[in-house]
C-alpha atoms as a PDB file:
ATOM      1  CA  MET A   1       7.038   9.584 -12.413  1.00  0.00           C
ATOM      2  CA  GLY A   2       4.928  12.112 -10.417  1.00  0.00           C
ATOM      3  CA  LEU A   3       5.076  12.433  -6.282  1.00  0.00           C
ATOM      4  CA  PHE A   4       2.077  10.349  -5.723  1.00  0.00           C
ATOM      5  CA  GLN A   5       3.650   7.595  -7.662  1.00  0.00           C
ATOM      6  CA  LYS A   6       7.278   8.134  -6.269  1.00  0.00           C
ATOM      7  CA  ILE A   7       6.017   7.744  -2.959  1.00  0.00           C
ATOM      8  CA  LYS A   8       4.580   4.775  -3.723  1.00  0.00           C
ATOM      9  CA  GLU A   9       7.011   2.615  -5.682  1.00  0.00           C
ATOM     10  CA  GLY A  10       9.567   3.965  -2.256  1.00  0.00           C
ATOM     11  CA  LEU A  11       6.462   2.550  -0.196  1.00  0.00           C
ATOM     12  CA  LYS A  12       6.384  -0.697  -2.031  1.00  0.00           C
ATOM     13  CA  LYS A  13       8.090  -3.311   0.364  1.00  0.00           C
ATOM     14  CA  THR A  14       6.348  -1.674   3.647  1.00  0.00           C
ATOM     15  CA  ARG A  15       3.357  -2.462   1.328  1.00  0.00           C
ATOM     16  CA  ASP A  16       3.828  -5.495   0.727  1.00  0.00           C
ATOM     17  CA  GLY A  17       5.132  -5.991   3.670  1.00  0.00           C
ATOM     18  CA  VAL A  18       3.173  -5.596   6.851  1.00  0.00           C
ATOM     19  CA  VAL A  19       0.375  -3.657   5.098  1.00  0.00           C
ATOM     20  CA  GLY A  20      -0.411  -6.548   2.976  1.00  0.00           C
ATOM     21  CA  GLN A  21      -0.500  -9.104   6.257  1.00  0.00           C
ATOM     22  CA  ILE A  22      -2.953  -6.632   7.211  1.00  0.00           C
ATOM     23  CA  ASP A  23      -5.049  -6.012   4.141  1.00  0.00           C
ATOM     24  CA  SER A  24      -5.325  -9.912   4.384  1.00  0.00           C
ATOM     25  CA  MET A  25      -6.142 -10.755   7.839  1.00  0.00           C
ATOM     26  CA  LEU A  26      -8.595  -8.256   6.858  1.00  0.00           C
ATOM     27  CA  LYS A  27     -10.275 -10.224   3.959  1.00  0.00           C
ATOM     28  CA  SER A  28     -10.014 -12.948   6.820  1.00  0.00           C
ATOM     29  CA  PHE A  29     -12.537 -11.869   9.185  1.00  0.00           C
ATOM     30  CA  THR A  30     -16.376 -11.487   8.671  1.00  0.00           C
ATOM     31  CA  LYS A  31     -17.005  -9.272  12.013  1.00  0.00           C
ATOM     32  CA  ILE A  32     -15.031  -6.221  13.678  1.00  0.00           C
ATOM     33  CA  ASP A  33     -14.045  -7.705  17.135  1.00  0.00           C
ATOM     34  CA  GLU A  34     -11.896  -7.394  19.641  1.00  0.00           C
ATOM     35  CA  ASP A  35     -10.236 -10.971  17.988  1.00  0.00           C
ATOM     36  CA  LEU A  36      -9.399  -9.010  14.980  1.00  0.00           C
ATOM     37  CA  PHE A  37      -8.178  -5.620  17.295  1.00  0.00           C
ATOM     38  CA  GLU A  38      -6.000  -8.292  18.605  1.00  0.00           C
ATOM     39  CA  GLU A  39      -4.759  -9.893  15.365  1.00  0.00           C
ATOM     40  CA  LEU A  40      -4.224  -6.178  13.956  1.00  0.00           C
ATOM     41  CA  GLU A  41      -2.057  -4.779  16.885  1.00  0.00           C
ATOM     42  CA  GLU A  42       0.470  -8.200  16.598  1.00  0.00           C
ATOM     43  CA  LEU A  43       0.823  -6.848  13.028  1.00  0.00           C
ATOM     44  CA  LEU A  44       1.611  -3.349  13.348  1.00  0.00           C
ATOM     45  CA  VAL A  45       4.628  -4.134  16.501  1.00  0.00           C
ATOM     46  CA  MET A  46       5.938  -6.527  13.501  1.00  0.00           C
ATOM     47  CA  GLY A  47       5.874  -3.045  11.584  1.00  0.00           C
ATOM     48  CA  ASP A  48       8.829  -1.654  13.753  1.00  0.00           C
ATOM     49  CA  VAL A  49       5.300   1.031  14.308  1.00  0.00           C
ATOM     50  CA  GLY A  50       6.029   0.075  17.854  1.00  0.00           C
ATOM     51  CA  VAL A  51       4.127  -2.181  21.098  1.00  0.00           C
ATOM     52  CA  SER A  52       3.117   1.765  22.643  1.00  0.00           C
ATOM     53  CA  THR A  53       1.835   4.074  18.639  1.00  0.00           C
ATOM     54  CA  ALA A  54       0.090   0.111  17.731  1.00  0.00           C
ATOM     55  CA  GLU A  55      -2.378   0.425  21.177  1.00  0.00           C
ATOM     56  CA  ASP A  56      -2.496   3.844  20.392  1.00  0.00           C
ATOM     57  CA  ILE A  57      -3.804   3.177  16.588  1.00  0.00           C
ATOM     58  CA  CYS A  58      -6.070   0.866  17.635  1.00  0.00           C
ATOM     59  CA  ASP A  59      -7.480   2.658  20.068  1.00  0.00           C
ATOM     60  CA  LYS A  60      -8.651   5.701  17.662  1.00  0.00           C
ATOM     61  CA  LEU A  61      -9.415   3.324  15.669  1.00  0.00           C
ATOM     62  CA  ARG A  62     -11.968   1.447  17.705  1.00  0.00           C
ATOM     63  CA  LYS A  63     -13.202   4.622  17.780  1.00  0.00           C
ATOM     64  CA  LYS A  64     -13.733   5.365  14.197  1.00  0.00           C
ATOM     65  CA  VAL A  65     -15.083   2.486  14.021  1.00  0.00           C
ATOM     66  CA  LYS A  66     -18.175   3.209  16.991  1.00  0.00           C
ATOM     67  CA  GLU A  67     -19.099   6.190  15.620  1.00  0.00           C
ATOM     68  CA  THR A  68     -18.997   5.525  11.870  1.00  0.00           C
ATOM     69  CA  GLY A  69     -21.566   1.948  13.131  1.00  0.00           C
ATOM     70  CA  THR A  70     -18.574   0.492  10.678  1.00  0.00           C
ATOM     71  CA  LYS A  71     -20.048  -2.936  10.728  1.00  0.00           C
ATOM     72  CA  ASP A  72     -17.265  -4.936   7.380  1.00  0.00           C
ATOM     73  CA  PRO A  73     -14.033  -5.607   8.249  1.00  0.00           C
ATOM     74  CA  ASN A  74     -13.342  -4.971   4.660  1.00  0.00           C
ATOM     75  CA  GLU A  75     -13.823  -1.091   5.284  1.00  0.00           C
ATOM     76  CA  ILE A  76     -11.626  -0.613   8.489  1.00  0.00           C
ATOM     77  CA  HIS A  77      -8.888  -0.226   5.773  1.00  0.00           C
ATOM     78  CA  ASN A  78     -10.160   3.466   4.572  1.00  0.00           C
ATOM     79  CA  LEU A  79     -10.025   3.910   9.025  1.00  0.00           C
ATOM     80  CA  LEU A  80      -6.540   2.765   8.843  1.00  0.00           C
ATOM     81  CA  GLU A  81      -5.808   4.975   6.683  1.00  0.00           C
ATOM     82  CA  GLU A  82      -7.410   7.971   8.428  1.00  0.00           C
ATOM     83  CA  VAL A  83      -5.891   7.090  11.376  1.00  0.00           C
ATOM     84  CA  VAL A  84      -1.981   7.136  10.351  1.00  0.00           C
ATOM     85  CA  ALA A  85      -2.579  10.160   8.569  1.00  0.00           C
ATOM     86  CA  ASP A  86      -4.298  12.491  11.858  1.00  0.00           C
ATOM     87  CA  ILE A  87      -1.136  11.028  13.659  1.00  0.00           C
ATOM     88  CA  LEU A  88       1.897  11.444  10.859  1.00  0.00           C
ATOM     89  CA  THR A  89      -0.100  15.536  10.606  1.00  0.00           C
ATOM     90  CA  GLY A  90       1.687  18.241  12.300  1.00  0.00           C
ATOM     91  CA  GLY A  91       4.585  19.859  12.233  1.00  0.00           C
ATOM     92  CA  GLN A  92       6.141  18.568   9.091  1.00  0.00           C
ATOM     93  CA  GLU A  93       6.056  22.070   7.124  1.00  0.00           C
ATOM     94  CA  LEU A  94      10.282  22.869   7.040  1.00  0.00           C
ATOM     95  CA  LYS A  95       9.865  26.201   7.999  1.00  0.00           C
ATOM     96  CA  VAL A  96      13.028  28.415   6.542  1.00  0.00           C
ATOM     97  CA  SER A  97      10.866  31.878   5.091  1.00  0.00           C
ATOM     98  CA  THR A  98      13.491  34.269   6.131  1.00  0.00           C
ATOM     99  CA  LYS A  99      16.183  35.456   4.610  1.00  0.00           C
ATOM    100  CA  PRO A 100      19.025  33.748   4.848  1.00  0.00           C
ATOM    101  CA  SER A 101      17.300  30.492   7.157  1.00  0.00           C
ATOM    102  CA  ILE A 102      19.232  27.739   8.544  1.00  0.00           C
ATOM    103  CA  VAL A 103      19.023  24.641   8.203  1.00  0.00           C
ATOM    104  CA  LEU A 104      21.429  22.305  11.269  1.00  0.00           C
ATOM    105  CA  VAL A 105      21.806  18.508   9.378  1.00  0.00           C
ATOM    106  CA  ILE A 106      23.216  16.070  12.521  1.00  0.00           C
ATOM    107  CA  GLY A 107      23.356  11.879  11.982  1.00  0.00           C
ATOM    108  CA  VAL A 108      25.277   9.706  12.231  1.00  0.00           C
ATOM    109  CA  ASN A 109      28.346   7.946   9.973  1.00  0.00           C
ATOM    110  CA  GLY A 110      26.395   5.903   7.337  1.00  0.00           C
ATOM    111  CA  VAL A 111      22.646   7.724   7.184  1.00  0.00           C
ATOM    112  CA  GLY A 112      23.601   8.767   3.930  1.00  0.00           C
ATOM    113  CA  LYS A 113      23.675  12.648   5.730  1.00  0.00           C
ATOM    114  CA  THR A 114      25.954  14.898   3.255  1.00  0.00           C
ATOM    115  CA  THR A 115      23.672  13.013   0.817  1.00  0.00           C
ATOM    116  CA  THR A 116      20.846  14.262   1.447  1.00  0.00           C
ATOM    117  CA  ILE A 117      22.221  17.947   2.089  1.00  0.00           C
ATOM    118  CA  GLY A 118      22.648  17.800  -1.162  1.00  0.00           C
ATOM    119  CA  LYS A 119      19.589  16.516  -2.377  1.00  0.00           C
ATOM    120  CA  MET A 120      17.971  19.370   0.634  1.00  0.00           C
ATOM    121  CA  ALA A 121      20.046  21.980  -1.275  1.00  0.00           C
ATOM    122  CA  ASN A 122      19.215  20.929  -4.891  1.00  0.00           C
ATOM    123  CA  ARG A 123      15.713  21.235  -4.030  1.00  0.00           C
ATOM    124  CA  PHE A 124      15.745  24.243  -2.717  1.00  0.00           C
ATOM    125  CA  LYS A 125      18.000  25.388  -5.699  1.00  0.00           C
ATOM    126  CA  LYS A 126      14.772  23.749  -7.593  1.00  0.00           C
ATOM    127  CA  ASP A 127      12.797  26.383  -5.853  1.00  0.00           C
ATOM    128  CA  GLY A 128      14.431  28.940  -6.768  1.00  0.00           C
ATOM    129  CA  LYS A 129      16.951  29.668  -3.297  1.00  0.00           C
ATOM    130  CA  LYS A 130      20.463  30.802  -3.163  1.00  0.00           C
ATOM    131  CA  VAL A 131      22.151  27.924  -0.699  1.00  0.00           C
ATOM    132  CA  LEU A 132      25.009  28.126   1.087  1.00  0.00           C
ATOM    133  CA  LEU A 133      26.785  24.674   2.292  1.00  0.00           C
ATOM    134  CA  ALA A 134      28.952  24.816   5.098  1.00  0.00           C
ATOM    135  CA  ALA A 135      30.875  22.031   5.922  1.00  0.00           C
ATOM    136  CA  ALA A 136      31.139  21.690   9.722  1.00  0.00           C
ATOM    137  CA  ASP A 137      31.708  18.901   9.603  1.00  0.00           C
ATOM    138  CA  THR A 138      34.985  19.249  10.589  1.00  0.00           C
ATOM    139  CA  PHE A 139      36.271  15.686  11.590  1.00  0.00           C
ATOM    140  CA  ARG A 140      35.708  13.705   8.646  1.00  0.00           C
ATOM    141  CA  ALA A 141      38.044  14.702   5.922  1.00  0.00           C
ATOM    142  CA  ALA A 142      36.349  12.491   3.683  1.00  0.00           C
ATOM    143  CA  ALA A 143      33.100  14.783   5.145  1.00  0.00           C
ATOM    144  CA  ILE A 144      34.238  17.929   4.105  1.00  0.00           C
ATOM    145  CA  ASP A 145      35.376  16.103   0.183  1.00  0.00           C
ATOM    146  CA  GLN A 146      31.809  15.079  -0.418  1.00  0.00           C
ATOM    147  CA  LEU A 147      29.823  18.084   0.696  1.00  0.00           C
ATOM    148  CA  GLN A 148      32.125  20.271  -2.276  1.00  0.00           C
ATOM    149  CA  ILE A 149      31.306  17.155  -4.582  1.00  0.00           C
ATOM    150  CA  TRP A 150      27.903  17.941  -3.645  1.00  0.00           C
ATOM    151  CA  ALA A 151      28.355  21.873  -4.361  1.00  0.00           C
ATOM    152  CA  ASP A 152      29.501  21.516  -7.318  1.00  0.00           C
ATOM    153  CA  ARG A 153      27.366  19.408  -8.356  1.00  0.00           C
ATOM    154  CA  CYS A 154      24.169  21.701  -7.962  1.00  0.00           C
ATOM    155  CA  ASN A 155      26.351  25.487  -8.548  1.00  0.00           C
ATOM    156  CA  CYS A 156      25.856  25.924  -4.378  1.00  0.00           C
ATOM    157  CA  ASP A 157      28.495  28.051  -2.401  1.00  0.00           C
ATOM    158  CA  ILE A 158      30.172  26.461  -0.045  1.00  0.00           C
ATOM    159  CA  ILE A 159      31.997  26.982   2.906  1.00  0.00           C
ATOM    160  CA  LYS A 160      35.145  25.134   4.652  1.00  0.00           C
ATOM    161  CA  GLN A 161      38.437  24.200   6.288  1.00  0.00           C
ATOM    162  CA  ASN A 162      41.029  22.173   7.377  1.00  0.00           C
ATOM    163  CA  GLU A 163      39.730  19.438   8.908  1.00  0.00           C
ATOM    164  CA  GLY A 164      39.994  19.552  11.912  1.00  0.00           C
ATOM    165  CA  SER A 165      38.748  23.547  12.497  1.00  0.00           C
ATOM    166  CA  ASP A 166      36.454  24.428  15.568  1.00  0.00           C
ATOM    167  CA  PRO A 167      32.931  23.340  14.157  1.00  0.00           C
ATOM    168  CA  ALA A 168      31.145  26.767  15.070  1.00  0.00           C
ATOM    169  CA  ALA A 169      34.391  29.080  13.725  1.00  0.00           C
ATOM    170  CA  VAL A 170      32.837  27.268   9.969  1.00  0.00           C
ATOM    171  CA  VAL A 171      29.209  28.590  11.143  1.00  0.00           C
ATOM    172  CA  PHE A 172      30.584  31.897  11.579  1.00  0.00           C
ATOM    173  CA  ASP A 173      32.225  31.870   7.959  1.00  0.00           C
ATOM    174  CA  ALA A 174      29.488  30.700   6.786  1.00  0.00           C
ATOM    175  CA  ILE A 175      26.794  33.304   8.589  1.00  0.00           C
ATOM    176  CA  SER A 176      29.429  36.361   8.103  1.00  0.00           C
ATOM    177  CA  ALA A 177      29.050  34.910   3.630  1.00  0.00           C
ATOM    178  CA  ALA A 178      25.308  34.116   3.167  1.00  0.00           C
ATOM    179  CA  LYS A 179      24.598  38.461   4.690  1.00  0.00           C
ATOM    180  CA  ALA A 180      27.255  39.457   2.071  1.00  0.00           C
ATOM    181  CA  ARG A 181      25.715  37.089  -0.350  1.00  0.00           C
ATOM    182  CA  GLY A 182      22.119  37.663  -0.218  1.00  0.00           C
ATOM    183  CA  THR A 183      21.034  33.586   0.451  1.00  0.00           C
ATOM    184  CA  ASP A 184      18.483  32.106   1.826  1.00  0.00           C
ATOM    185  CA  VAL A 185      19.289  29.126   2.740  1.00  0.00           C
ATOM    186  CA  ILE A 186      22.176  28.013   4.769  1.00  0.00           C
ATOM    187  CA  ILE A 187      22.763  23.792   5.121  1.00  0.00           C
ATOM    188  CA  VAL A 188      25.217  23.408   7.856  1.00  0.00           C
ATOM    189  CA  ASP A 189      25.962  19.696   7.675  1.00  0.00           C
ATOM    190  CA  THR A 190      27.732  19.029  11.439  1.00  0.00           C
ATOM    191  CA  ALA A 191      29.242  15.709  13.248  1.00  0.00           C
ATOM    192  CA  GLY A 192      27.157  13.423  14.753  1.00  0.00           C
ATOM    193  CA  ARG A 193      29.404  11.290  17.041  1.00  0.00           C
ATOM    194  CA  LEU A 194      26.123  10.099  19.786  1.00  0.00           C
ATOM    195  CA  HIS A 195      29.270   7.984  21.662  1.00  0.00           C
ATOM    196  CA  ASN A 196      30.062  11.305  23.324  1.00  0.00           C
ATOM    197  CA  LYS A 197      27.345  12.945  23.536  1.00  0.00           C
ATOM    198  CA  LYS A 198      28.595  15.347  26.227  1.00  0.00           C
ATOM    199  CA  HIS A 199      31.017  16.582  23.174  1.00  0.00           C
ATOM    200  CA  LEU A 200      28.118  16.377  20.865  1.00  0.00           C
ATOM    201  CA  MET A 201      26.301  18.596  22.916  1.00  0.00           C
ATOM    202  CA  ASP A 202      29.190  21.539  23.590  1.00  0.00           C
ATOM    203  CA  GLU A 203      30.367  21.307  20.303  1.00  0.00           C
ATOM    204  CA  LEU A 204      26.105  21.596  19.186  1.00  0.00           C
ATOM    205  CA  ALA A 205      25.784  25.325  22.336  1.00  0.00           C
ATOM    206  CA  LYS A 206      28.880  26.307  20.534  1.00  0.00           C
ATOM    207  CA  ILE A 207      27.478  26.543  17.937  1.00  0.00           C
ATOM    208  CA  ASN A 208      23.966  27.363  18.338  1.00  0.00           C
ATOM    209  CA  ARG A 209      25.256  30.403  20.421  1.00  0.00           C
ATOM    210  CA  ILE A 210      27.560  31.868  17.353  1.00  0.00           C
ATOM    211  CA  ILE A 211      23.904  31.605  15.250  1.00  0.00           C
ATOM    212  CA  ASP A 212      21.962  32.664  18.090  1.00  0.00           C
ATOM    213  CA  ARG A 213      24.531  35.720  18.150  1.00  0.00           C
ATOM    214  CA  GLU A 214      24.500  36.778  14.500  1.00  0.00           C
ATOM    215  CA  LEU A 215      21.148  35.582  12.720  1.00  0.00           C
ATOM    216  CA  PRO A 216      19.285  35.853  16.227  1.00  0.00           C
ATOM    217  CA  ASP A 217      15.735  36.604  14.056  1.00  0.00           C
ATOM    218  CA  ALA A 218      16.083  33.918  11.432  1.00  0.00           C
ATOM    219  CA  ASP A 219      14.610  30.545  11.129  1.00  0.00           C
ATOM    220  CA  LYS A 220      16.194  27.428  12.325  1.00  0.00           C
ATOM    221  CA  GLU A 221      15.615  23.884  11.281  1.00  0.00           C
ATOM    222  CA  VAL A 222      17.496  21.563  13.451  1.00  0.00           C
ATOM    223  CA  LEU A 223      17.020  18.144  11.377  1.00  0.00           C
ATOM    224  CA  LEU A 224      18.246  14.336  12.340  1.00  0.00           C
ATOM    225  CA  VAL A 225      19.022  12.614   9.277  1.00  0.00           C
ATOM    226  CA  LEU A 226      17.824   8.346   9.580  1.00  0.00           C
ATOM    227  CA  ASP A 227      18.242   5.420   8.336  1.00  0.00           C
ATOM    228  CA  ALA A 228      15.193   4.142   7.604  1.00  0.00           C
ATOM    229  CA  THR A 229      16.368  -0.065   7.615  1.00  0.00           C
ATOM    230  CA  THR A 230      18.106   0.405  10.895  1.00  0.00           C
ATOM    231  CA  GLY A 231      14.221  -0.353  12.321  1.00  0.00           C
ATOM    232  CA  GLN A 232      13.269   0.610  16.241  1.00  0.00           C
ATOM    233  CA  ASN A 233      17.185   1.833  16.021  1.00  0.00           C
ATOM    234  CA  ALA A 234      15.862   4.414  15.050  1.00  0.00           C
ATOM    235  CA  VAL A 235      13.448   5.403  17.607  1.00  0.00           C
ATOM    236  CA  SER A 236      16.390   5.599  20.181  1.00  0.00           C
ATOM    237  CA  GLN A 237      18.604   7.253  18.039  1.00  0.00           C
ATOM    238  CA  VAL A 238      15.807  10.005  18.061  1.00  0.00           C
ATOM    239  CA  GLU A 239      15.677   9.585  21.903  1.00  0.00           C
ATOM    240  CA  HIS A 240      18.621  10.208  22.600  1.00  0.00           C
ATOM    241  CA  PHE A 241      19.820  13.172  19.593  1.00  0.00           C
ATOM    242  CA  LYS A 242      16.218  14.699  20.888  1.00  0.00           C
ATOM    243  CA  GLU A 243      18.314  14.310  24.910  1.00  0.00           C
ATOM    244  CA  ALA A 244      21.166  16.435  23.677  1.00  0.00           C
ATOM    245  CA  THR A 245      20.563  18.847  20.516  1.00  0.00           C
ATOM    246  CA  GLY A 246      16.023  20.020  20.976  1.00  0.00           C
ATOM    247  CA  ILE A 247      16.221  18.720  16.827  1.00  0.00           C
ATOM    248  CA  THR A 248      12.496  19.889  15.044  1.00  0.00           C
ATOM    249  CA  GLY A 249      12.388  17.307  12.322  1.00  0.00           C
ATOM    250  CA  ILE A 250      13.771  13.708  11.040  1.00  0.00           C
ATOM    251  CA  VAL A 251      14.880  13.126   7.956  1.00  0.00           C
ATOM    252  CA  LEU A 252      14.145   9.554   6.695  1.00  0.00           C
ATOM    253  CA  THR A 253      16.433   8.167   4.162  1.00  0.00           C
ATOM    254  CA  LYS A 254      16.459   4.606   2.684  1.00  0.00           C
ATOM    255  CA  LEU A 255      12.661   3.886   2.945  1.00  0.00           C
ATOM    256  CA  ASP A 256      12.449   1.919  -0.570  1.00  0.00           C
ATOM    257  CA  GLY A 257      14.726  -0.513   0.158  1.00  0.00           C
ATOM    258  CA  THR A 258      12.656  -1.316   3.426  1.00  0.00           C
ATOM    259  CA  ALA A 259      10.327  -3.137   4.195  1.00  0.00           C
ATOM    260  CA  LYS A 260      10.003  -0.726   8.214  1.00  0.00           C
ATOM    261  CA  GLY A 261       8.509   2.400   6.479  1.00  0.00           C
ATOM    262  CA  GLY A 262       5.791   1.715   9.724  1.00  0.00           C
ATOM    263  CA  ILE A 263       9.511   3.564  12.211  1.00  0.00           C
ATOM    264  CA  VAL A 264       7.970   6.022  11.177  1.00  0.00           C
ATOM    265  CA  LEU A 265       4.616   6.630  13.229  1.00  0.00           C
ATOM    266  CA  ALA A 266       6.881   4.670  15.963  1.00  0.00           C
ATOM    267  CA  ILE A 267       8.920   8.294  15.533  1.00  0.00           C
ATOM    268  CA  LYS A 268       5.944  10.815  15.306  1.00  0.00           C
ATOM    269  CA  ASN A 269       3.268   9.378  18.064  1.00  0.00           C
ATOM    270  CA  SER A 270       6.322   8.431  20.517  1.00  0.00           C
ATOM    271  CA  LEU A 271       8.235  10.972  20.793  1.00  0.00           C
ATOM    272  CA  ASP A 272       6.397  14.281  19.534  1.00  0.00           C
ATOM    273  CA  VAL A 273       8.994  14.265  15.826  1.00  0.00           C
ATOM    274  CA  PRO A 274       7.582  15.767  13.422  1.00  0.00           C
ATOM    275  CA  VAL A 275       9.038  13.546   9.589  1.00  0.00           C
ATOM    276  CA  LYS A 276      10.051  16.214   7.441  1.00  0.00           C
ATOM    277  CA  PHE A 277      11.583  15.307   4.560  1.00  0.00           C
ATOM    278  CA  ILE A 278      11.408  11.661   3.227  1.00  0.00           C
ATOM    279  CA  GLY A 279      14.472   9.449   1.195  1.00  0.00           C
ATOM    280  CA  VAL A 280      11.648   7.538  -1.680  1.00  0.00           C
ATOM    281  CA  GLY A 281      15.200   5.724  -3.927  1.00  0.00           C
ATOM    282  CA  GLU A 282      18.935   6.871  -5.132  1.00  0.00           C
ATOM    283  CA  GLN A 283      17.908  10.075  -7.644  1.00  0.00           C
ATOM    284  CA  ILE A 284      18.978  13.307  -6.523  1.00  0.00           C
ATOM    285  CA  ASP A 285      15.113  14.767  -6.593  1.00  0.00           C
ATOM    286  CA  ASP A 286      14.566  11.671  -4.891  1.00  0.00           C
ATOM    287  CA  LEU A 287      14.702  13.208  -1.528  1.00  0.00           C
ATOM    288  CA  GLN A 288      10.440  14.883  -1.043  1.00  0.00           C
ATOM    289  CA  PRO A 289       9.196  16.841   1.228  1.00  0.00           C
ATOM    290  CA  PHE A 290       6.589  14.780   4.045  1.00  0.00           C
ATOM    291  CA  ASP A 291       3.139  14.833   3.687  1.00  0.00           C
ATOM    292  CA  PRO A 292       0.983  12.655   5.839  1.00  0.00           C
ATOM    293  CA  VAL A 293      -1.877  12.170   4.119  1.00  0.00           C
ATOM    294  CA  ASP A 294      -0.077  11.680   0.407  1.00  0.00           C
ATOM    295  CA  PHE A 295       1.629   8.672   2.917  1.00  0.00           C
ATOM    296  CA  SER A 296      -0.759   7.284   4.202  1.00  0.00           C
ATOM    297  CA  LYS A 297      -2.342   6.586   0.933  1.00  0.00           C
ATOM    298  CA  ALA A 298       0.539   5.612  -0.396  1.00  0.00           C
ATOM    299  CA  LEU A 299       1.267   3.593   2.279  1.00  0.00           C
ATOM    300  CA  PHE A 300      -2.253   1.391   1.867  1.00  0.00           C
ATOM    301  CA  ASP A 301      -2.297   1.642  -2.111  1.00  0.00           C
ATOM    302  CA  PHE A 302      -3.132  -1.066  -3.598  1.00  0.00           C
ATOM    303  CA  SER A 303      -3.932  -0.556  -6.818  1.00  0.00           C
ATOM    304  CA  ASP A 304      -1.222  -1.043  -9.800  1.00  0.00           C
END
């Protein structure tokens, strides 16, 4: 299965749900008027796009209709695809060009954080990069054990300490090891406890001080892993983590298991946080770099 086909398959529930309703609605109209835009806005809100983003999409669509002189409601489909791609574009490229680069991965328990790290490591390895994993989620022994399993599976180096160790000390050891071993990318598994924001902020601030001191010129990404099936709750998680940690991007998992794919638009448009990867299946290679144009095309593509 090709890359586009994989994304298309992963978005099937969203496409059959919300986008399917939009498609049916457009076919029921004989002209483009305010009633059409009002119905479209309602359907977008139902699809977890969020109220403000739904309004923005419709405003941009009105302008495109005017600019292009479009009269046929069936042609709205293509204009909508363009508007969605435009909203999602910007900042989606992962910055990992220095040697080493460092990727901090955060997220609440249950979103698939450790699995995402494993899949990310697998992608980097396929790209010919030498990867080192750092088990800095030291509050759960299970997290350390899970990361070890992925390190073995991907044939990556791993730096870990005992449960309860200082996460910043693990990161320091990982950076030292990466420098000595000629590592390309360090991926750090960090704790993501929202219920104690101050503790999380302090812990990540300490980790960031270590990175800034030891790797002052390195590319650094701070990625928040989100479960797409949580819908609008994912937006509030982004707000909390953005305030606490200064995230640079999102990894959205379990898109294949939900009709709430519109959440991608809400996150990018409302909070100005780019999506860097999407998870569209259970397999090791089902974590894909986010491409706004492909995503938008797959979302609106009803061909078999």
